[in-house]
Amino acid sequence: MKRILIVSSFCMALVFGLAAAGFSADDATLYKRCISCHGADGAKPPHVLKGQKSADLMTKMKGYAAGTYGGSQKALMTNLMKPLSPEDMQALADYIAKL
């Protein structure tokens, strides 16, 4: 539990830092926030991203940002997705779809 809180805090600080800076990060930089839970190649269970289409990922990310999608990690993912611009979400979805 402590590890989850530490990772979550780090991820939120990174997201809010990017949002406050007012610029779009490149896709690989955005994905670095996801590695601890989803793995470097997006294939880490139980939440495997690898093999998903960009459009499907965008639907999920928008749902997380709106707080209308998600299971046990809904709160964490909402906090990570909400500050992202639509352009950053699309860049992230495109990057993950290519893993």
PDB file of N, CA and C in Angstrom:
ATOM      1  N   MET A   1       0.831  -1.193   0.000  1.00  0.00           N
ATOM      2  CA  MET A   1       0.000   0.000   0.000  1.00  0.00           C
ATOM      3  C   MET A   1       0.874   1.254   0.000  1.00  0.00           C
ATOM      4  N   LYS A   2       1.939   1.218   0.800  1.00  0.00           N
ATOM      5  CA  LYS A   2       2.828   2.374   0.873  1.00  0.00           C
ATOM      6  C   LYS A   2       3.477   2.629  -0.488  1.00  0.00           C
ATOM      7  N   ARG A   3       3.842   1.545  -1.174  1.00  0.00           N
ATOM      8  CA  ARG A   3       4.473   1.673  -2.486  1.00  0.00           C
ATOM      9  C   ARG A   3       3.507   2.336  -3.475  1.00  0.00           C
ATOM     10  N   ILE A   4       2.244   1.928  -3.427  1.00  0.00           N
ATOM     11  CA  ILE A   4       1.242   2.509  -4.320  1.00  0.00           C
ATOM     12  C   ILE A   4       1.109   4.003  -4.064  1.00  0.00           C
ATOM     13  N   LEU A   5       1.097   4.393  -2.808  1.00  0.00           N
ATOM     14  CA  LEU A   5       0.980   5.814  -2.474  1.00  0.00           C
ATOM     15  C   LEU A   5       2.183   6.607  -2.969  1.00  0.00           C
ATOM     16  N   ILE A   6       3.364   6.036  -2.834  1.00  0.00           N
ATOM     17  CA  ILE A   6       4.581   6.717  -3.284  1.00  0.00           C
ATOM     18  C   ILE A   6       4.560   6.871  -4.798  1.00  0.00           C
ATOM     19  N   VAL A   7       4.258   5.781  -5.510  1.00  0.00           N
ATOM     20  CA  VAL A   7       4.213   5.830  -6.973  1.00  0.00           C
ATOM     21  C   VAL A   7       3.123   6.794  -7.435  1.00  0.00           C
ATOM     22  N   SER A   8       1.963   6.730  -6.792  1.00  0.00           N
ATOM     23  CA  SER A   8       0.858   7.623  -7.150  1.00  0.00           C
ATOM     24  C   SER A   8       1.239   9.080  -6.952  1.00  0.00           C
ATOM     25  N   SER A   9       1.891   9.365  -5.840  1.00  0.00           N
ATOM     26  CA  SER A   9       2.314  10.739  -5.558  1.00  0.00           C
ATOM     27  C   SER A   9       3.297  11.228  -6.605  1.00  0.00           C
ATOM     28  N   PHE A  10       4.246  10.375  -6.966  1.00  0.00           N
ATOM     29  CA  PHE A  10       5.225  10.730  -7.984  1.00  0.00           C
ATOM     30  C   PHE A  10       4.534  11.007  -9.315  1.00  0.00           C
ATOM     31  N   CYS A  11       3.633  10.116  -9.697  1.00  0.00           N
ATOM     32  CA  CYS A  11       2.927  10.275 -10.969  1.00  0.00           C
ATOM     33  C   CYS A  11       2.100  11.551 -10.997  1.00  0.00           C
ATOM     34  N   MET A  12       1.404  11.823  -9.916  1.00  0.00           N
ATOM     35  CA  MET A  12       0.587  13.042  -9.873  1.00  0.00           C
ATOM     36  C   MET A  12       1.460  14.285  -9.919  1.00  0.00           C
ATOM     37  N   ALA A  13       2.581  14.266  -9.234  1.00  0.00           N
ATOM     38  CA  ALA A  13       3.483  15.414  -9.261  1.00  0.00           C
ATOM     39  C   ALA A  13       3.994  15.654 -10.678  1.00  0.00           C
ATOM     40  N   LEU A  14       4.314  14.576 -11.374  1.00  0.00           N
ATOM     41  CA  LEU A  14       4.785  14.695 -12.744  1.00  0.00           C
ATOM     42  C   LEU A  14       3.693  15.256 -13.650  1.00  0.00           C
ATOM     43  N   VAL A  15       2.496  14.715 -13.531  1.00  0.00           N
ATOM     44  CA  VAL A  15       1.382  15.180 -14.358  1.00  0.00           C
ATOM     45  C   VAL A  15       1.085  16.648 -14.097  1.00  0.00           C
ATOM     46  N   PHE A  16       0.968  17.018 -12.829  1.00  0.00           N
ATOM     47  CA  PHE A  16       0.659  18.408 -12.506  1.00  0.00           C
ATOM     48  C   PHE A  16       1.803  19.329 -12.909  1.00  0.00           C
ATOM     49  N   GLY A  17       3.016  18.848 -12.831  1.00  0.00           N
ATOM     50  CA  GLY A  17       4.164  19.638 -13.273  1.00  0.00           C
ATOM     51  C   GLY A  17       4.110  19.903 -14.762  1.00  0.00           C
ATOM     52  N   LEU A  18       3.763  18.886 -15.549  1.00  0.00           N
ATOM     53  CA  LEU A  18       3.634  19.062 -16.992  1.00  0.00           C
ATOM     54  C   LEU A  18       2.497  20.017 -17.322  1.00  0.00           C
ATOM     55  N   ALA A  19       1.388  19.858 -16.637  1.00  0.00           N
ATOM     56  CA  ALA A  19       0.240  20.732 -16.895  1.00  0.00           C
ATOM     57  C   ALA A  19       0.561  22.177 -16.529  1.00  0.00           C
ATOM     58  N   ALA A  20       1.241  22.373 -15.424  1.00  0.00           N
ATOM     59  CA  ALA A  20       1.578  23.724 -14.977  1.00  0.00           C
ATOM     60  C   ALA A  20       2.591  24.381 -15.901  1.00  0.00           C
ATOM     61  N   ALA A  21       3.445  23.574 -16.506  1.00  0.00           N
ATOM     62  CA  ALA A  21       4.458  24.121 -17.399  1.00  0.00           C
ATOM     63  C   ALA A  21       3.838  24.643 -18.694  1.00  0.00           C
ATOM     64  N   GLY A  22       2.649  24.160 -19.039  1.00  0.00           N
ATOM     65  CA  GLY A  22       1.951  24.669 -20.209  1.00  0.00           C
ATOM     66  C   GLY A  22       2.491  24.177 -21.533  1.00  0.00           C
ATOM     67  N   PHE A  23       3.065  22.998 -21.564  1.00  0.00           N
ATOM     68  CA  PHE A  23       3.531  22.450 -22.820  1.00  0.00           C
ATOM     69  C   PHE A  23       3.152  20.989 -22.915  1.00  0.00           C
ATOM     70  N   SER A  24       3.158  20.483 -24.146  1.00  0.00           N
ATOM     71  CA  SER A  24       2.855  19.077 -24.365  1.00  0.00           C
ATOM     72  C   SER A  24       4.141  18.273 -24.305  1.00  0.00           C
ATOM     73  N   ALA A  25       4.086  17.199 -23.574  1.00  0.00           N
ATOM     74  CA  ALA A  25       5.237  16.306 -23.504  1.00  0.00           C
ATOM     75  C   ALA A  25       5.175  15.341 -24.680  1.00  0.00           C
ATOM     76  N   ASP A  26       6.326  14.809 -25.071  1.00  0.00           N
ATOM     77  CA  ASP A  26       6.301  13.819 -26.134  1.00  0.00           C
ATOM     78  C   ASP A  26       5.748  12.504 -25.592  1.00  0.00           C
ATOM     79  N   ASP A  27       5.331  11.653 -26.503  1.00  0.00           N
ATOM     80  CA  ASP A  27       4.638  10.430 -26.124  1.00  0.00           C
ATOM     81  C   ASP A  27       5.454   9.509 -25.221  1.00  0.00           C
ATOM     82  N   ALA A  28       6.730   9.338 -25.495  1.00  0.00           N
ATOM     83  CA  ALA A  28       7.560   8.462 -24.663  1.00  0.00           C
ATOM     84  C   ALA A  28       7.691   9.013 -23.247  1.00  0.00           C
ATOM     85  N   THR A  29       7.799  10.319 -23.122  1.00  0.00           N
ATOM     86  CA  THR A  29       7.880  10.942 -21.799  1.00  0.00           C
ATOM     87  C   THR A  29       6.573  10.740 -21.046  1.00  0.00           C
ATOM     88  N   LEU A  30       5.460  10.893 -21.732  1.00  0.00           N
ATOM     89  CA  LEU A  30       4.163  10.666 -21.101  1.00  0.00           C
ATOM     90  C   LEU A  30       4.043   9.227 -20.614  1.00  0.00           C
ATOM     91  N   TYR A  31       4.518   8.278 -21.403  1.00  0.00           N
ATOM     92  CA  TYR A  31       4.372   6.868 -21.033  1.00  0.00           C
ATOM     93  C   TYR A  31       5.248   6.484 -19.840  1.00  0.00           C
ATOM     94  N   LYS A  32       6.297   7.206 -19.575  1.00  0.00           N
ATOM     95  CA  LYS A  32       7.154   6.886 -18.421  1.00  0.00           C
ATOM     96  C   LYS A  32       6.350   6.851 -17.130  1.00  0.00           C
ATOM     97  N   ARG A  33       5.268   7.621 -17.056  1.00  0.00           N
ATOM     98  CA  ARG A  33       4.418   7.636 -15.865  1.00  0.00           C
ATOM     99  C   ARG A  33       3.660   6.327 -15.703  1.00  0.00           C
ATOM    100  N   CYS A  34       3.532   5.579 -16.772  1.00  0.00           N
ATOM    101  CA  CYS A  34       2.699   4.371 -16.789  1.00  0.00           C
ATOM    102  C   CYS A  34       3.490   3.088 -16.524  1.00  0.00           C
ATOM    103  N   ILE A  35       4.806   3.169 -16.669  1.00  0.00           N
ATOM    104  CA  ILE A  35       5.650   1.976 -16.635  1.00  0.00           C
ATOM    105  C   ILE A  35       5.534   1.187 -15.341  1.00  0.00           C
ATOM    106  N   SER A  36       5.459   1.853 -14.205  1.00  0.00           N
ATOM    107  CA  SER A  36       5.466   1.119 -12.937  1.00  0.00           C
ATOM    108  C   SER A  36       4.275   0.173 -12.811  1.00  0.00           C
ATOM    109  N   CYS A  37       3.148   0.521 -13.384  1.00  0.00           N
ATOM    110  CA  CYS A  37       1.962  -0.348 -13.302  1.00  0.00           C
ATOM    111  C   CYS A  37       1.775  -1.211 -14.550  1.00  0.00           C
ATOM    112  N   HIS A  38       2.074  -0.667 -15.715  1.00  0.00           N
ATOM    113  CA  HIS A  38       1.767  -1.358 -16.968  1.00  0.00           C
ATOM    114  C   HIS A  38       2.986  -1.990 -17.637  1.00  0.00           C
ATOM    115  N   GLY A  39       4.197  -1.726 -17.134  1.00  0.00           N
ATOM    116  CA  GLY A  39       5.410  -2.287 -17.714  1.00  0.00           C
ATOM    117  C   GLY A  39       5.918  -1.471 -18.889  1.00  0.00           C
ATOM    118  N   ALA A  40       7.200  -1.612 -19.167  1.00  0.00           N
ATOM    119  CA  ALA A  40       7.837  -0.844 -20.242  1.00  0.00           C
ATOM    120  C   ALA A  40       7.228  -1.145 -21.606  1.00  0.00           C
ATOM    121  N   ASP A  41       6.753  -2.381 -21.785  1.00  0.00           N
ATOM    122  CA  ASP A  41       6.168  -2.761 -23.069  1.00  0.00           C
ATOM    123  C   ASP A  41       4.641  -2.829 -23.032  1.00  0.00           C
ATOM    124  N   GLY A  42       4.047  -2.387 -21.923  1.00  0.00           N
ATOM    125  CA  GLY A  42       2.590  -2.375 -21.800  1.00  0.00           C
ATOM    126  C   GLY A  42       1.961  -3.736 -21.581  1.00  0.00           C
ATOM    127  N   ALA A  43       2.788  -4.747 -21.290  1.00  0.00           N
ATOM    128  CA  ALA A  43       2.279  -6.116 -21.177  1.00  0.00           C
ATOM    129  C   ALA A  43       2.231  -6.636 -19.746  1.00  0.00           C
ATOM    130  N   LYS A  44       2.377  -5.761 -18.759  1.00  0.00           N
ATOM    131  CA  LYS A  44       2.404  -6.194 -17.358  1.00  0.00           C
ATOM    132  C   LYS A  44       0.979  -6.426 -16.846  1.00  0.00           C
ATOM    133  N   PRO A  45       0.686  -7.662 -16.430  1.00  0.00           N
ATOM    134  CA  PRO A  45      -0.644  -7.945 -15.863  1.00  0.00           C
ATOM    135  C   PRO A  45      -0.806  -7.264 -14.518  1.00  0.00           C
ATOM    136  N   PRO A  46      -1.963  -7.013 -14.056  1.00  0.00           N
ATOM    137  CA  PRO A  46      -3.236  -7.447 -14.628  1.00  0.00           C
ATOM    138  C   PRO A  46      -3.842  -6.443 -15.597  1.00  0.00           C
ATOM    139  N   HIS A  47      -3.227  -5.301 -15.796  1.00  0.00           N
ATOM    140  CA  HIS A  47      -3.803  -4.257 -16.658  1.00  0.00           C
ATOM    141  C   HIS A  47      -2.967  -4.098 -17.927  1.00  0.00           C
ATOM    142  N   VAL A  48      -3.042  -5.087 -18.807  1.00  0.00           N
ATOM    143  CA  VAL A  48      -2.247  -5.115 -20.032  1.00  0.00           C
ATOM    144  C   VAL A  48      -2.788  -4.092 -21.039  1.00  0.00           C
ATOM    145  N   LEU A  49      -1.888  -3.240 -21.518  1.00  0.00           N
ATOM    146  CA  LEU A  49      -2.247  -2.239 -22.526  1.00  0.00           C
ATOM    147  C   LEU A  49      -1.842  -2.681 -23.928  1.00  0.00           C
ATOM    148  N   LYS A  50      -0.785  -3.479 -24.004  1.00  0.00           N
ATOM    149  CA  LYS A  50      -0.235  -3.912 -25.285  1.00  0.00           C
ATOM    150  C   LYS A  50      -1.314  -4.590 -26.128  1.00  0.00           C
ATOM    151  N   GLY A  51      -1.360  -4.202 -27.398  1.00  0.00           N
ATOM    152  CA  GLY A  51      -2.306  -4.806 -28.322  1.00  0.00           C
ATOM    153  C   GLY A  51      -3.625  -4.060 -28.449  1.00  0.00           C
ATOM    154  N   GLN A  52      -3.823  -3.033 -27.642  1.00  0.00           N
ATOM    155  CA  GLN A  52      -5.065  -2.263 -27.727  1.00  0.00           C
ATOM    156  C   GLN A  52      -4.940  -1.186 -28.802  1.00  0.00           C
ATOM    157  N   LYS A  53      -6.051  -0.879 -29.431  1.00  0.00           N
ATOM    158  CA  LYS A  53      -6.081   0.141 -30.479  1.00  0.00           C
ATOM    159  C   LYS A  53      -6.103   1.532 -29.860  1.00  0.00           C
ATOM    160  N   SER A  54      -5.542   2.477 -30.593  1.00  0.00           N
ATOM    161  CA  SER A  54      -5.475   3.859 -30.135  1.00  0.00           C
ATOM    162  C   SER A  54      -6.858   4.419 -29.802  1.00  0.00           C
ATOM    163  N   ALA A  55      -7.840   4.158 -30.654  1.00  0.00           N
ATOM    164  CA  ALA A  55      -9.193   4.680 -30.419  1.00  0.00           C
ATOM    165  C   ALA A  55      -9.796   4.109 -29.135  1.00  0.00           C
ATOM    166  N   ASP A  56      -9.554   2.825 -28.877  1.00  0.00           N
ATOM    167  CA  ASP A  56     -10.065   2.206 -27.648  1.00  0.00           C
ATOM    168  C   ASP A  56      -9.386   2.798 -26.418  1.00  0.00           C
ATOM    169  N   LEU A  57      -8.085   3.013 -26.520  1.00  0.00           N
ATOM    170  CA  LEU A  57      -7.342   3.615 -25.411  1.00  0.00           C
ATOM    171  C   LEU A  57      -7.835   5.035 -25.142  1.00  0.00           C
ATOM    172  N   MET A  58      -8.099   5.793 -26.214  1.00  0.00           N
ATOM    173  CA  MET A  58      -8.608   7.160 -26.049  1.00  0.00           C
ATOM    174  C   MET A  58      -9.958   7.165 -25.336  1.00  0.00           C
ATOM    175  N   THR A  59     -10.826   6.236 -25.701  1.00  0.00           N
ATOM    176  CA  THR A  59     -12.137   6.141 -25.050  1.00  0.00           C
ATOM    177  C   THR A  59     -11.964   5.903 -23.558  1.00  0.00           C
ATOM    178  N   LYS A  60     -11.060   4.999 -23.206  1.00  0.00           N
ATOM    179  CA  LYS A  60     -10.815   4.691 -21.796  1.00  0.00           C
ATOM    180  C   LYS A  60     -10.188   5.885 -21.075  1.00  0.00           C
ATOM    181  N   MET A  61      -9.210   6.521 -21.705  1.00  0.00           N
ATOM    182  CA  MET A  61      -8.550   7.665 -21.070  1.00  0.00           C
ATOM    183  C   MET A  61      -9.525   8.817 -20.842  1.00  0.00           C
ATOM    184  N   LYS A  62     -10.369   9.087 -21.827  1.00  0.00           N
ATOM    185  CA  LYS A  62     -11.377  10.143 -21.666  1.00  0.00           C
ATOM    186  C   LYS A  62     -12.346   9.790 -20.545  1.00  0.00           C
ATOM    187  N   GLY A  63     -12.706   8.511 -20.455  1.00  0.00           N
ATOM    188  CA  GLY A  63     -13.586   8.060 -19.383  1.00  0.00           C
ATOM    189  C   GLY A  63     -12.944   8.207 -18.019  1.00  0.00           C
ATOM    190  N   TYR A  64     -11.664   7.854 -17.925  1.00  0.00           N
ATOM    191  CA  TYR A  64     -10.945   8.049 -16.661  1.00  0.00           C
ATOM    192  C   TYR A  64     -10.910   9.533 -16.300  1.00  0.00           C
ATOM    193  N   ALA A  65     -10.579  10.378 -17.282  1.00  0.00           N
ATOM    194  CA  ALA A  65     -10.485  11.820 -17.020  1.00  0.00           C
ATOM    195  C   ALA A  65     -11.819  12.389 -16.537  1.00  0.00           C
ATOM    196  N   ALA A  66     -12.910  11.863 -17.080  1.00  0.00           N
ATOM    197  CA  ALA A  66     -14.244  12.332 -16.695  1.00  0.00           C
ATOM    198  C   ALA A  66     -14.752  11.659 -15.422  1.00  0.00           C
ATOM    199  N   GLY A  67     -14.052  10.601 -14.990  1.00  0.00           N
ATOM    200  CA  GLY A  67     -14.485   9.866 -13.805  1.00  0.00           C
ATOM    201  C   GLY A  67     -15.637   8.913 -14.072  1.00  0.00           C
ATOM    202  N   THR A  68     -15.852   8.577 -15.343  1.00  0.00           N
ATOM    203  CA  THR A  68     -16.972   7.707 -15.714  1.00  0.00           C
ATOM    204  C   THR A  68     -16.543   6.294 -16.083  1.00  0.00           C
ATOM    205  N   TYR A  69     -15.257   5.995 -16.008  1.00  0.00           N
ATOM    206  CA  TYR A  69     -14.743   4.684 -16.403  1.00  0.00           C
ATOM    207  C   TYR A  69     -13.753   4.214 -15.354  1.00  0.00           C
ATOM    208  N   GLY A  70     -13.692   2.914 -15.157  1.00  0.00           N
ATOM    209  CA  GLY A  70     -12.644   2.361 -14.318  1.00  0.00           C
ATOM    210  C   GLY A  70     -13.143   1.450 -13.229  1.00  0.00           C
ATOM    211  N   GLY A  71     -12.213   0.649 -12.764  1.00  0.00           N
ATOM    212  CA  GLY A  71     -12.494  -0.295 -11.690  1.00  0.00           C
ATOM    213  C   GLY A  71     -11.767   0.108 -10.426  1.00  0.00           C
ATOM    214  N   SER A  72     -10.968  -0.814  -9.910  1.00  0.00           N
ATOM    215  CA  SER A  72     -10.305  -0.603  -8.622  1.00  0.00           C
ATOM    216  C   SER A  72      -9.289   0.541  -8.649  1.00  0.00           C
ATOM    217  N   GLN A  73      -8.770   0.865  -9.808  1.00  0.00           N
ATOM    218  CA  GLN A  73      -7.770   1.934  -9.923  1.00  0.00           C
ATOM    219  C   GLN A  73      -8.363   3.226 -10.493  1.00  0.00           C
ATOM    220  N   LYS A  74      -9.678   3.332 -10.456  1.00  0.00           N
ATOM    221  CA  LYS A  74     -10.364   4.485 -11.055  1.00  0.00           C
ATOM    222  C   LYS A  74      -9.859   5.819 -10.505  1.00  0.00           C
ATOM    223  N   ALA A  75      -9.743   5.932  -9.189  1.00  0.00           N
ATOM    224  CA  ALA A  75      -9.317   7.204  -8.588  1.00  0.00           C
ATOM    225  C   ALA A  75      -7.903   7.568  -9.023  1.00  0.00           C
ATOM    226  N   LEU A  76      -7.007   6.598  -9.008  1.00  0.00           N
ATOM    227  CA  LEU A  76      -5.624   6.838  -9.425  1.00  0.00           C
ATOM    228  C   LEU A  76      -5.579   7.275 -10.884  1.00  0.00           C
ATOM    229  N   MET A  77      -6.262   6.525 -11.740  1.00  0.00           N
ATOM    230  CA  MET A  77      -6.231   6.833 -13.165  1.00  0.00           C
ATOM    231  C   MET A  77      -6.928   8.161 -13.480  1.00  0.00           C
ATOM    232  N   THR A  78      -7.976   8.481 -12.764  1.00  0.00           N
ATOM    233  CA  THR A  78      -8.641   9.773 -12.967  1.00  0.00           C
ATOM    234  C   THR A  78      -7.673  10.905 -12.655  1.00  0.00           C
ATOM    235  N   ASN A  79      -6.940  10.775 -11.561  1.00  0.00           N
ATOM    236  CA  ASN A  79      -5.960  11.806 -11.190  1.00  0.00           C
ATOM    237  C   ASN A  79      -4.836  11.919 -12.206  1.00  0.00           C
ATOM    238  N   LEU A  80      -4.498  10.826 -12.870  1.00  0.00           N
ATOM    239  CA  LEU A  80      -3.432  10.856 -13.868  1.00  0.00           C
ATOM    240  C   LEU A  80      -3.914  11.399 -15.215  1.00  0.00           C
ATOM    241  N   MET A  81      -5.138  11.099 -15.577  1.00  0.00           N
ATOM    242  CA  MET A  81      -5.652  11.488 -16.892  1.00  0.00           C
ATOM    243  C   MET A  81      -6.258  12.885 -16.930  1.00  0.00           C
ATOM    244  N   LYS A  82      -6.881  13.298 -15.862  1.00  0.00           N
ATOM    245  CA  LYS A  82      -7.616  14.568 -15.848  1.00  0.00           C
ATOM    246  C   LYS A  82      -6.770  15.774 -16.278  1.00  0.00           C
ATOM    247  N   PRO A  83      -5.528  15.901 -15.828  1.00  0.00           N
ATOM    248  CA  PRO A  83      -4.747  17.085 -16.210  1.00  0.00           C
ATOM    249  C   PRO A  83      -4.210  17.060 -17.648  1.00  0.00           C
ATOM    250  N   LEU A  84      -4.291  15.909 -18.323  1.00  0.00           N
ATOM    251  CA  LEU A  84      -3.732  15.821 -19.670  1.00  0.00           C
ATOM    252  C   LEU A  84      -4.619  16.531 -20.683  1.00  0.00           C
ATOM    253  N   SER A  85      -3.976  17.187 -21.624  1.00  0.00           N
ATOM    254  CA  SER A  85      -4.709  17.812 -22.726  1.00  0.00           C
ATOM    255  C   SER A  85      -5.185  16.708 -23.675  1.00  0.00           C
ATOM    256  N   PRO A  86      -6.183  16.998 -24.504  1.00  0.00           N
ATOM    257  CA  PRO A  86      -6.609  16.004 -25.497  1.00  0.00           C
ATOM    258  C   PRO A  86      -5.462  15.584 -26.423  1.00  0.00           C
ATOM    259  N   GLU A  87      -4.581  16.526 -26.722  1.00  0.00           N
ATOM    260  CA  GLU A  87      -3.433  16.217 -27.583  1.00  0.00           C
ATOM    261  C   GLU A  87      -2.476  15.250 -26.898  1.00  0.00           C
ATOM    262  N   ASP A  88      -2.230  15.465 -25.607  1.00  0.00           N
ATOM    263  CA  ASP A  88      -1.359  14.557 -24.868  1.00  0.00           C
ATOM    264  C   ASP A  88      -1.986  13.173 -24.738  1.00  0.00           C
ATOM    265  N   MET A  89      -3.292  13.131 -24.503  1.00  0.00           N
ATOM    266  CA  MET A  89      -3.981  11.834 -24.435  1.00  0.00           C
ATOM    267  C   MET A  89      -3.846  11.089 -25.758  1.00  0.00           C
ATOM    268  N   GLN A  90      -4.030  11.810 -26.859  1.00  0.00           N
ATOM    269  CA  GLN A  90      -3.925  11.171 -28.173  1.00  0.00           C
ATOM    270  C   GLN A  90      -2.511  10.682 -28.423  1.00  0.00           C
ATOM    271  N   ALA A  91      -1.513  11.499 -28.079  1.00  0.00           N
ATOM    272  CA  ALA A  91      -0.118  11.085 -28.249  1.00  0.00           C
ATOM    273  C   ALA A  91       0.175   9.837 -27.424  1.00  0.00           C
ATOM    274  N   LEU A  92      -0.322   9.801 -26.205  1.00  0.00           N
ATOM    275  CA  LEU A  92      -0.119   8.649 -25.328  1.00  0.00           C
ATOM    276  C   LEU A  92      -0.824   7.417 -25.885  1.00  0.00           C
ATOM    277  N   ALA A  93      -2.055   7.565 -26.337  1.00  0.00           N
ATOM    278  CA  ALA A  93      -2.805   6.439 -26.913  1.00  0.00           C
ATOM    279  C   ALA A  93      -2.102   5.897 -28.154  1.00  0.00           C
ATOM    280  N   ASP A  94      -1.621   6.787 -29.011  1.00  0.00           N
ATOM    281  CA  ASP A  94      -0.909   6.362 -30.219  1.00  0.00           C
ATOM    282  C   ASP A  94       0.372   5.619 -29.862  1.00  0.00           C
ATOM    283  N   TYR A  95       1.089   6.109 -28.867  1.00  0.00           N
ATOM    284  CA  TYR A  95       2.332   5.472 -28.433  1.00  0.00           C
ATOM    285  C   TYR A  95       2.060   4.066 -27.899  1.00  0.00           C
ATOM    286  N   ILE A  96       1.075   3.945 -27.026  1.00  0.00           N
ATOM    287  CA  ILE A  96       0.749   2.647 -26.427  1.00  0.00           C
ATOM    288  C   ILE A  96       0.298   1.665 -27.504  1.00  0.00           C
ATOM    289  N   ALA A  97      -0.467   2.126 -28.475  1.00  0.00           N
ATOM    290  CA  ALA A  97      -0.959   1.254 -29.544  1.00  0.00           C
ATOM    291  C   ALA A  97       0.180   0.677 -30.380  1.00  0.00           C
ATOM    292  N   LYS A  98       1.333   1.329 -30.365  1.00  0.00           N
ATOM    293  CA  LYS A  98       2.488   0.864 -31.144  1.00  0.00           C
ATOM    294  C   LYS A  98       3.427  -0.034 -30.349  1.00  0.00           C
ATOM    295  N   LEU A  99       3.140  -0.235 -29.067  1.00  0.00           N
ATOM    296  CA  LEU A  99       4.019  -1.071 -28.236  1.00  0.00           C
ATOM    297  C   LEU A  99       3.987  -2.515 -28.698  1.00  0.00           C
TER     298      LEU A  99
END
